[in-house]
Amino acid sequence: NISQSQLADVILVTPQTISNYETGKREPGISELISFSEYFHVSVDYLIGNTDDINTRHRKIFYAITDNIFKNQ
């Protein structure tokens, strides 16, 4: 529920660039993928189709935090 223009402002590209991503005329670079990932709260792996698990990013953060807690006990 976001317009191309609004998303372009978030990702720091033009609305035409967003349109090109959507139509497959252009692919986002790593910095844009990271920005999309952060904005939509999904992993880059999810965005590029390496996983169907939308929450991979959150799970990795959770495990990193809990591993760190247990190591420090």
Protein backbone atom coordinates (compact mmCIF):
# COMPACT_ATOMS: atom_id res chain seq x y z
CA ASN A 1 0.00 0.00 0.00
CA ILE A 2 2.67 2.45 -1.07
CA SER A 3 2.99 4.40 -4.29
CA GLN A 4 6.00 4.21 -6.57
CA SER A 5 6.76 7.81 -5.70
CA GLN A 6 6.63 7.17 -1.95
CA LEU A 7 8.82 4.08 -2.25
CA ALA A 8 11.25 5.97 -4.48
CA ASP A 9 11.62 8.60 -1.76
CA VAL A 10 12.42 5.91 0.81
CA ILE A 11 14.92 4.06 -1.41
CA LEU A 12 16.39 7.31 -2.78
CA VAL A 13 15.72 6.57 -6.44
CA THR A 14 13.30 8.00 -8.98
CA PRO A 15 9.73 6.74 -9.41
CA GLN A 16 10.75 5.66 -12.93
CA THR A 17 13.45 3.46 -11.42
CA ILE A 18 10.84 1.77 -9.20
CA SER A 19 8.68 1.25 -12.29
CA ASN A 20 11.66 -0.30 -14.10
CA TYR A 21 12.22 -2.68 -11.16
CA GLU A 22 8.57 -3.73 -11.24
CA THR A 23 8.54 -4.35 -14.99
CA GLY A 24 11.89 -6.14 -15.03
CA LYS A 25 13.61 -3.53 -17.19
CA ARG A 26 16.16 -2.96 -14.44
CA GLU A 27 17.36 -4.79 -11.32
CA PRO A 28 18.11 -3.09 -8.01
CA GLY A 29 21.67 -3.00 -6.74
CA ILE A 30 22.74 -4.29 -3.35
CA SER A 31 22.20 -0.94 -1.62
CA GLU A 32 18.64 -0.75 -2.97
CA LEU A 33 17.98 -4.36 -1.94
CA ILE A 34 19.17 -3.58 1.57
CA SER A 35 16.92 -0.50 1.66
CA PHE A 36 13.93 -2.57 0.45
CA SER A 37 14.76 -5.22 3.03
CA GLU A 38 14.87 -2.72 5.86
CA TYR A 39 11.74 -0.89 4.75
CA PHE A 40 9.62 -4.03 4.28
CA HIS A 41 11.20 -5.90 7.23
CA VAL A 42 12.19 -8.94 5.18
CA SER A 43 15.53 -10.53 4.35
CA VAL A 44 17.40 -9.79 1.15
CA ASP A 45 17.29 -13.55 0.54
CA TYR A 46 13.50 -13.34 0.56
CA LEU A 47 13.55 -10.42 -1.90
CA ILE A 48 15.78 -12.23 -4.38
CA GLY A 49 13.94 -15.54 -4.07
CA ASN A 50 16.54 -17.57 -2.17
CA THR A 51 13.99 -18.37 0.54
CA ASP A 52 10.24 -18.43 0.94
CA ASP A 53 10.66 -17.65 4.64
CA ILE A 54 9.76 -13.99 4.99
CA ASN A 55 11.06 -13.88 8.56
CA THR A 56 14.59 -15.22 7.96
CA ARG A 57 16.12 -11.87 8.85
CA HIS A 58 14.31 -11.68 12.18
CA ARG A 59 15.18 -15.27 13.05
CA LYS A 60 18.89 -14.63 12.39
CA ILE A 61 18.82 -11.55 14.60
CA PHE A 62 17.04 -13.49 17.35
CA TYR A 63 19.58 -16.33 17.24
CA ALA A 64 22.50 -13.90 17.24
CA ILE A 65 21.12 -12.14 20.32
CA THR A 66 20.31 -15.32 22.20
CA ASP A 67 23.66 -16.91 21.31
CA ASN A 68 25.40 -13.82 22.65
CA ILE A 69 23.38 -13.93 25.89
CA PHE A 70 24.20 -17.58 26.52
CA LYS A 71 27.90 -17.08 25.74
CA ASN A 72 28.09 -14.31 28.34
CA GLN A 73 26.51 -16.36 31.16
